[in-house]
Amino acid sequence: MVPFFITTLLTSIMGIVLLLSLKQWELHTGGVVGGKARAPVGSFFHAALVWVERILPTLTRVFFRRLMRATSMFVHRAAALGVLWAEYALEHVLDLLRKTTSSRKGMGEASAFLREVAEHKRKLLKSRAVSAKVTVD
């Protein structure tokens, strides 16, 4: 770590000495280092600064708005599909319950015991209906 800091310090000192010597040379000769390139470099950095200060934040804002809108639409559609899936699953369960709990009619001839029970029920219902009529009158 120490060699890194020493190297950085020496590089900085050499850079400062170079800049001071260039400035001294400009003052003695009256020339300007990179004079012809200053205008194009200045316009380039001006355009870059406008890009960084204005265009890039606007593009970022637009991007995040579109991202939020797309995320919102995705969540909305996912929720709608979830509801449709749940509805389908519930309908499937209901159909399954209807099939398993429905009585099977017309499967054939009833046994003699069941016929006797049905006849007994009819007699009970008739006798109750008759007794109910007598009490009402």
N, C-alpha and C. Protein backbone atom coordinates (compact mmCIF):
# COMPACT_ATOMS: atom_id res chain seq x y z
N MET A 1 0.83 -1.19 0.00
CA MET A 1 0.00 0.00 0.00
C MET A 1 0.88 1.25 0.00
N VAL A 2 1.97 1.19 0.76
CA VAL A 2 2.86 2.35 0.83
C VAL A 2 3.50 2.64 -0.52
N PRO A 3 3.97 1.63 -1.28
CA PRO A 3 4.55 1.94 -2.60
C PRO A 3 3.54 2.61 -3.54
N PHE A 4 2.26 2.22 -3.44
CA PHE A 4 1.24 2.85 -4.28
C PHE A 4 1.13 4.34 -3.97
N PHE A 5 1.09 4.70 -2.68
CA PHE A 5 0.97 6.11 -2.31
C PHE A 5 2.23 6.89 -2.71
N ILE A 6 3.40 6.29 -2.57
CA ILE A 6 4.64 6.97 -2.96
C ILE A 6 4.65 7.21 -4.46
N THR A 7 4.24 6.21 -5.25
CA THR A 7 4.19 6.35 -6.70
C THR A 7 3.18 7.43 -7.10
N THR A 8 2.05 7.46 -6.45
CA THR A 8 1.04 8.49 -6.74
C THR A 8 1.57 9.87 -6.41
N LEU A 9 2.25 10.03 -5.30
CA LEU A 9 2.82 11.33 -4.91
C LEU A 9 3.87 11.78 -5.91
N LEU A 10 4.76 10.89 -6.33
CA LEU A 10 5.80 11.25 -7.30
C LEU A 10 5.20 11.63 -8.65
N THR A 11 4.16 10.90 -9.07
CA THR A 11 3.49 11.23 -10.34
C THR A 11 2.84 12.60 -10.26
N SER A 12 2.21 12.92 -9.15
CA SER A 12 1.57 14.23 -8.97
C SER A 12 2.61 15.34 -8.99
N ILE A 13 3.72 15.13 -8.33
CA ILE A 13 4.78 16.16 -8.32
C ILE A 13 5.33 16.38 -9.72
N MET A 14 5.55 15.30 -10.48
CA MET A 14 6.06 15.45 -11.85
C MET A 14 5.04 16.18 -12.72
N GLY A 15 3.74 15.91 -12.53
CA GLY A 15 2.71 16.60 -13.30
C GLY A 15 2.67 18.09 -13.00
N ILE A 16 2.81 18.45 -11.73
CA ILE A 16 2.80 19.87 -11.37
C ILE A 16 4.03 20.57 -11.95
N VAL A 17 5.18 19.92 -11.88
CA VAL A 17 6.41 20.51 -12.44
C VAL A 17 6.25 20.69 -13.94
N LEU A 18 5.68 19.73 -14.65
CA LEU A 18 5.46 19.84 -16.08
C LEU A 18 4.53 21.00 -16.41
N LEU A 19 3.43 21.14 -15.66
CA LEU A 19 2.50 22.25 -15.90
C LEU A 19 3.15 23.61 -15.65
N LEU A 20 3.93 23.71 -14.59
CA LEU A 20 4.60 24.97 -14.29
C LEU A 20 5.64 25.30 -15.36
N SER A 21 6.34 24.31 -15.85
CA SER A 21 7.34 24.58 -16.90
C SER A 21 6.66 24.98 -18.20
N LEU A 22 5.51 24.36 -18.54
CA LEU A 22 4.76 24.78 -19.73
C LEU A 22 4.26 26.21 -19.60
N LYS A 23 3.77 26.57 -18.42
CA LYS A 23 3.29 27.95 -18.21
C LYS A 23 4.44 28.94 -18.31
N GLN A 24 5.58 28.56 -17.78
CA GLN A 24 6.76 29.42 -17.87
C GLN A 24 7.17 29.61 -19.34
N TRP A 25 7.12 28.52 -20.11
CA TRP A 25 7.47 28.61 -21.53
C TRP A 25 6.49 29.51 -22.27
N GLU A 26 5.16 29.39 -21.95
CA GLU A 26 4.17 30.25 -22.59
C GLU A 26 4.40 31.71 -22.27
N LEU A 27 4.77 32.02 -21.02
CA LEU A 27 5.01 33.41 -20.63
C LEU A 27 6.24 33.99 -21.33
N HIS A 28 7.30 33.22 -21.54
CA HIS A 28 8.51 33.71 -22.17
C HIS A 28 8.38 33.84 -23.68
N THR A 29 7.68 32.90 -24.32
CA THR A 29 7.60 32.93 -25.78
C THR A 29 6.35 33.63 -26.30
N GLY A 30 5.33 33.74 -25.49
CA GLY A 30 4.08 34.35 -25.94
C GLY A 30 3.21 33.38 -26.71
N GLY A 31 3.64 32.18 -26.88
CA GLY A 31 2.84 31.16 -27.58
C GLY A 31 1.87 30.47 -26.63
N VAL A 32 0.91 29.82 -27.23
CA VAL A 32 -0.09 29.11 -26.45
C VAL A 32 -0.02 27.62 -26.85
N VAL A 33 0.13 26.77 -25.87
CA VAL A 33 0.17 25.34 -26.15
C VAL A 33 -1.25 24.87 -26.50
N GLY A 34 -1.41 24.26 -27.68
CA GLY A 34 -2.71 23.77 -28.12
C GLY A 34 -3.68 24.88 -28.43
N GLY A 35 -3.22 26.02 -28.93
CA GLY A 35 -4.10 27.15 -29.21
C GLY A 35 -5.14 26.87 -30.26
N LYS A 36 -4.76 26.14 -31.32
CA LYS A 36 -5.70 25.83 -32.39
C LYS A 36 -6.75 24.81 -31.96
N ALA A 37 -6.41 24.01 -31.00
CA ALA A 37 -7.34 22.95 -30.57
C ALA A 37 -8.27 23.40 -29.46
N ARG A 38 -8.07 24.58 -28.90
CA ARG A 38 -8.88 25.01 -27.76
C ARG A 38 -10.35 25.21 -28.13
N ALA A 39 -10.63 25.81 -29.27
CA ALA A 39 -12.04 26.05 -29.66
C ALA A 39 -12.78 24.73 -29.88
N PRO A 40 -12.23 23.80 -30.67
CA PRO A 40 -12.97 22.54 -30.84
C PRO A 40 -13.09 21.74 -29.54
N VAL A 41 -12.03 21.76 -28.74
CA VAL A 41 -12.10 21.03 -27.47
C VAL A 41 -13.14 21.68 -26.56
N GLY A 42 -13.19 23.02 -26.55
CA GLY A 42 -14.19 23.73 -25.74
C GLY A 42 -15.61 23.41 -26.18
N SER A 43 -15.84 23.39 -27.50
CA SER A 43 -17.20 23.08 -27.98
C SER A 43 -17.56 21.62 -27.69
N PHE A 44 -16.55 20.72 -27.77
CA PHE A 44 -16.81 19.32 -27.44
C PHE A 44 -17.22 19.18 -25.97
N PHE A 45 -16.46 19.82 -25.09
CA PHE A 45 -16.79 19.71 -23.67
C PHE A 45 -18.10 20.41 -23.34
N HIS A 46 -18.43 21.51 -24.07
CA HIS A 46 -19.71 22.17 -23.86
C HIS A 46 -20.86 21.21 -24.24
N ALA A 47 -20.72 20.54 -25.39
CA ALA A 47 -21.75 19.58 -25.82
C ALA A 47 -21.85 18.42 -24.83
N ALA A 48 -20.71 17.96 -24.35
CA ALA A 48 -20.73 16.87 -23.37
C ALA A 48 -21.41 17.31 -22.08
N LEU A 49 -21.14 18.55 -21.66
CA LEU A 49 -21.75 19.07 -20.43
C LEU A 49 -23.26 19.22 -20.59
N VAL A 50 -23.70 19.72 -21.76
CA VAL A 50 -25.14 19.83 -22.01
C VAL A 50 -25.76 18.43 -21.98
N TRP A 51 -25.09 17.46 -22.58
CA TRP A 51 -25.59 16.09 -22.58
C TRP A 51 -25.73 15.56 -21.16
N VAL A 52 -24.70 15.77 -20.35
CA VAL A 52 -24.71 15.23 -18.98
C VAL A 52 -25.70 15.98 -18.10
N GLU A 53 -25.84 17.29 -18.29
CA GLU A 53 -26.70 18.08 -17.40
C GLU A 53 -28.17 18.05 -17.79
N ARG A 54 -28.47 17.95 -19.08
CA ARG A 54 -29.86 18.08 -19.51
C ARG A 54 -30.43 16.83 -20.17
N ILE A 55 -29.75 16.34 -21.18
CA ILE A 55 -30.30 15.25 -21.99
C ILE A 55 -30.31 13.94 -21.21
N LEU A 56 -29.21 13.60 -20.58
CA LEU A 56 -29.12 12.34 -19.85
C LEU A 56 -30.15 12.24 -18.71
N PRO A 57 -30.33 13.29 -17.88
CA PRO A 57 -31.38 13.19 -16.85
C PRO A 57 -32.79 13.04 -17.44
N THR A 58 -33.04 13.73 -18.55
CA THR A 58 -34.36 13.61 -19.18
C THR A 58 -34.57 12.19 -19.70
N LEU A 59 -33.56 11.64 -20.36
CA LEU A 59 -33.68 10.28 -20.86
C LEU A 59 -33.85 9.28 -19.72
N THR A 60 -33.14 9.51 -18.63
CA THR A 60 -33.26 8.62 -17.47
C THR A 60 -34.66 8.69 -16.89
N ARG A 61 -35.20 9.89 -16.78
CA ARG A 61 -36.56 10.07 -16.25
C ARG A 61 -37.58 9.37 -17.14
N VAL A 62 -37.46 9.55 -18.46
CA VAL A 62 -38.38 8.92 -19.40
C VAL A 62 -38.26 7.40 -19.32
N PHE A 63 -37.01 6.90 -19.23
CA PHE A 63 -36.80 5.46 -19.12
C PHE A 63 -37.46 4.89 -17.88
N PHE A 64 -37.28 5.55 -16.74
CA PHE A 64 -37.87 5.02 -15.51
C PHE A 64 -39.39 5.13 -15.52
N ARG A 65 -39.95 6.15 -16.15
CA ARG A 65 -41.40 6.23 -16.26
C ARG A 65 -41.94 5.07 -17.09
N ARG A 66 -41.27 4.81 -18.23
CA ARG A 66 -41.71 3.70 -19.07
C ARG A 66 -41.52 2.36 -18.35
N LEU A 67 -40.43 2.25 -17.62
CA LEU A 67 -40.19 1.02 -16.86
C LEU A 67 -41.28 0.81 -15.81
N MET A 68 -41.66 1.87 -15.10
CA MET A 68 -42.71 1.76 -14.09
C MET A 68 -44.05 1.41 -14.75
N ARG A 69 -44.33 2.02 -15.91
CA ARG A 69 -45.58 1.73 -16.61
C ARG A 69 -45.59 0.27 -17.07
N ALA A 70 -44.48 -0.20 -17.61
CA ALA A 70 -44.40 -1.59 -18.07
C ALA A 70 -44.51 -2.55 -16.89
N THR A 71 -43.88 -2.21 -15.76
CA THR A 71 -43.97 -3.05 -14.57
C THR A 71 -45.40 -3.09 -14.05
N SER A 72 -46.06 -1.95 -14.06
CA SER A 72 -47.45 -1.89 -13.61
C SER A 72 -48.34 -2.75 -14.51
N MET A 73 -48.14 -2.66 -15.82
CA MET A 73 -48.94 -3.47 -16.74
C MET A 73 -48.66 -4.96 -16.54
N PHE A 74 -47.40 -5.30 -16.31
CA PHE A 74 -47.05 -6.71 -16.08
C PHE A 74 -47.73 -7.23 -14.82
N VAL A 75 -47.67 -6.46 -13.74
CA VAL A 75 -48.29 -6.89 -12.49
C VAL A 75 -49.81 -7.02 -12.66
N HIS A 76 -50.40 -6.06 -13.37
CA HIS A 76 -51.85 -6.09 -13.61
C HIS A 76 -52.23 -7.34 -14.39
N ARG A 77 -51.49 -7.63 -15.47
CA ARG A 77 -51.80 -8.80 -16.28
C ARG A 77 -51.55 -10.09 -15.51
N ALA A 78 -50.48 -10.11 -14.72
CA ALA A 78 -50.20 -11.31 -13.92
C ALA A 78 -51.31 -11.56 -12.91
N ALA A 79 -51.80 -10.49 -12.29
CA ALA A 79 -52.90 -10.64 -11.33
C ALA A 79 -54.16 -11.12 -12.04
N ALA A 80 -54.44 -10.58 -13.22
CA ALA A 80 -55.63 -11.00 -13.97
C ALA A 80 -55.51 -12.47 -14.36
N LEU A 81 -54.33 -12.87 -14.82
CA LEU A 81 -54.14 -14.28 -15.16
C LEU A 81 -54.25 -15.18 -13.93
N GLY A 82 -53.77 -14.69 -12.80
CA GLY A 82 -53.91 -15.45 -11.56
C GLY A 82 -55.36 -15.65 -11.17
N VAL A 83 -56.14 -14.59 -11.33
CA VAL A 83 -57.58 -14.69 -11.02
C VAL A 83 -58.26 -15.66 -11.98
N LEU A 84 -57.92 -15.57 -13.27
CA LEU A 84 -58.52 -16.49 -14.24
C LEU A 84 -58.12 -17.94 -13.95
N TRP A 85 -56.87 -18.14 -13.58
CA TRP A 85 -56.42 -19.49 -13.24
C TRP A 85 -57.16 -20.01 -12.01
N ALA A 86 -57.31 -19.16 -11.00
CA ALA A 86 -58.04 -19.57 -9.79
C ALA A 86 -59.48 -19.91 -10.13
N GLU A 87 -60.10 -19.10 -10.99
CA GLU A 87 -61.48 -19.37 -11.40
C GLU A 87 -61.57 -20.71 -12.13
N TYR A 88 -60.63 -20.97 -13.02
CA TYR A 88 -60.61 -22.24 -13.75
C TYR A 88 -60.44 -23.41 -12.78
N ALA A 89 -59.52 -23.24 -11.82
CA ALA A 89 -59.28 -24.32 -10.85
C ALA A 89 -60.53 -24.58 -10.01
N LEU A 90 -61.20 -23.51 -9.58
CA LEU A 90 -62.42 -23.69 -8.79
C LEU A 90 -63.54 -24.36 -9.60
N GLU A 91 -63.67 -23.96 -10.87
CA GLU A 91 -64.68 -24.61 -11.71
C GLU A 91 -64.35 -26.09 -11.89
N HIS A 92 -63.09 -26.39 -12.05
CA HIS A 92 -62.68 -27.78 -12.20
C HIS A 92 -63.01 -28.58 -10.92
N VAL A 93 -62.76 -28.00 -9.77
CA VAL A 93 -63.05 -28.67 -8.50
C VAL A 93 -64.56 -28.86 -8.35
N LEU A 94 -65.34 -27.83 -8.72
CA LEU A 94 -66.80 -27.96 -8.63
C LEU A 94 -67.32 -29.05 -9.57
N ASP A 95 -66.80 -29.10 -10.78
CA ASP A 95 -67.22 -30.17 -11.69
C ASP A 95 -66.87 -31.54 -11.13
N LEU A 96 -65.69 -31.63 -10.56
CA LEU A 96 -65.27 -32.89 -9.96
C LEU A 96 -66.19 -33.29 -8.81
N LEU A 97 -66.56 -32.30 -7.97
CA LEU A 97 -67.48 -32.58 -6.87
C LEU A 97 -68.85 -32.99 -7.38
N ARG A 98 -69.34 -32.33 -8.43
CA ARG A 98 -70.65 -32.69 -8.99
C ARG A 98 -70.64 -34.12 -9.51
N LYS A 99 -69.55 -34.49 -10.15
CA LYS A 99 -69.48 -35.85 -10.71
C LYS A 99 -69.39 -36.90 -9.61
N THR A 100 -68.67 -36.59 -8.54
CA THR A 100 -68.49 -37.61 -7.50
C THR A 100 -69.69 -37.69 -6.56
N THR A 101 -70.46 -36.62 -6.42
CA THR A 101 -71.57 -36.64 -5.46
C THR A 101 -72.92 -36.86 -6.12
N SER A 102 -73.00 -36.89 -7.43
CA SER A 102 -74.30 -37.07 -8.08
C SER A 102 -74.76 -38.52 -7.91
N SER A 103 -76.09 -38.66 -7.76
CA SER A 103 -76.65 -40.01 -7.61
C SER A 103 -76.81 -40.63 -8.98
N ARG A 104 -76.67 -41.90 -9.03
CA ARG A 104 -76.78 -42.61 -10.31
C ARG A 104 -78.20 -43.17 -10.42
N LYS A 105 -78.97 -42.63 -11.34
CA LYS A 105 -80.35 -43.07 -11.52
C LYS A 105 -80.45 -43.93 -12.77
N GLY A 106 -81.38 -44.81 -12.74
CA GLY A 106 -81.63 -45.63 -13.91
C GLY A 106 -80.54 -46.66 -14.14
N MET A 107 -79.94 -47.15 -13.08
CA MET A 107 -78.86 -48.11 -13.23
C MET A 107 -79.41 -49.53 -13.41
N GLY A 108 -80.69 -49.68 -13.33
CA GLY A 108 -81.26 -51.02 -13.48
C GLY A 108 -82.47 -51.19 -12.57
N GLU A 109 -82.90 -52.40 -12.38
CA GLU A 109 -84.08 -52.71 -11.58
C GLU A 109 -83.74 -52.63 -10.10
N ALA A 110 -84.67 -52.04 -9.31
CA ALA A 110 -84.47 -51.94 -7.87
C ALA A 110 -84.72 -53.31 -7.24
N SER A 111 -84.08 -53.55 -6.13
CA SER A 111 -84.23 -54.84 -5.45
C SER A 111 -85.60 -54.90 -4.79
N ALA A 112 -85.98 -56.09 -4.39
CA ALA A 112 -87.28 -56.29 -3.76
C ALA A 112 -87.36 -55.54 -2.45
N PHE A 113 -86.28 -55.50 -1.71
CA PHE A 113 -86.25 -54.79 -0.44
C PHE A 113 -86.52 -53.31 -0.65
N LEU A 114 -85.85 -52.71 -1.65
CA LEU A 114 -86.06 -51.29 -1.91
C LEU A 114 -87.49 -51.01 -2.38
N ARG A 115 -88.07 -51.90 -3.15
CA ARG A 115 -89.47 -51.72 -3.56
C ARG A 115 -90.38 -51.76 -2.34
N GLU A 116 -90.12 -52.63 -1.41
CA GLU A 116 -90.94 -52.72 -0.19
C GLU A 116 -90.80 -51.44 0.64
N VAL A 117 -89.59 -50.93 0.76
CA VAL A 117 -89.37 -49.70 1.53
C VAL A 117 -90.12 -48.55 0.87
N ALA A 118 -90.06 -48.44 -0.46
CA ALA A 118 -90.75 -47.36 -1.16
C ALA A 118 -92.26 -47.48 -0.96
N GLU A 119 -92.78 -48.68 -1.03
CA GLU A 119 -94.23 -48.89 -0.81
C GLU A 119 -94.61 -48.49 0.61
N HIS A 120 -93.79 -48.84 1.58
CA HIS A 120 -94.06 -48.49 2.97
C HIS A 120 -94.06 -46.96 3.15
N LYS A 121 -93.12 -46.27 2.50
CA LYS A 121 -93.06 -44.80 2.58
C LYS A 121 -94.34 -44.19 2.01
N ARG A 122 -94.79 -44.71 0.88
CA ARG A 122 -96.02 -44.17 0.27
C ARG A 122 -97.21 -44.34 1.20
N LYS A 123 -97.29 -45.49 1.85
CA LYS A 123 -98.40 -45.72 2.78
C LYS A 123 -98.33 -44.75 3.96
N LEU A 124 -97.12 -44.54 4.48
CA LEU A 124 -96.96 -43.60 5.60
C LEU A 124 -97.36 -42.19 5.20
N LEU A 125 -96.93 -41.77 4.03
CA LEU A 125 -97.27 -40.42 3.56
C LEU A 125 -98.77 -40.27 3.35
N LYS A 126 -99.42 -41.30 2.82
CA LYS A 126 -100.87 -41.24 2.63
C LYS A 126 -101.59 -41.18 3.96
N SER A 127 -101.16 -41.98 4.92
CA SER A 127 -101.84 -41.98 6.22
C SER A 127 -101.63 -40.66 6.94
N ARG A 128 -100.49 -40.06 6.79
CA ARG A 128 -100.24 -38.73 7.40
C ARG A 128 -101.09 -37.67 6.74
N ALA A 129 -101.20 -37.73 5.42
CA ALA A 129 -102.01 -36.76 4.69
C ALA A 129 -103.48 -36.88 5.10
N VAL A 130 -103.96 -38.10 5.27
CA VAL A 130 -105.36 -38.32 5.67
C VAL A 130 -105.56 -37.82 7.09
N SER A 131 -104.63 -38.13 8.00
CA SER A 131 -104.78 -37.67 9.39
C SER A 131 -104.67 -36.15 9.49
N ALA A 132 -103.88 -35.54 8.63
CA ALA A 132 -103.78 -34.08 8.63
C ALA A 132 -105.05 -33.45 8.14
N LYS A 133 -105.73 -34.08 7.19
CA LYS A 133 -107.00 -33.57 6.67
C LYS A 133 -108.08 -33.66 7.73
N VAL A 134 -108.09 -34.72 8.47
CA VAL A 134 -109.12 -34.93 9.49
C VAL A 134 -108.95 -33.89 10.58
N THR A 135 -107.74 -33.58 11.00
CA THR A 135 -107.51 -32.62 12.07
C THR A 135 -107.80 -31.21 11.62
N VAL A 136 -107.62 -30.90 10.34
CA VAL A 136 -107.88 -29.56 9.83
C VAL A 136 -109.36 -29.32 9.74
N ASP A 137 -110.15 -30.28 9.39
CA ASP A 137 -111.60 -30.12 9.21
C ASP A 137 -112.21 -29.94 10.54
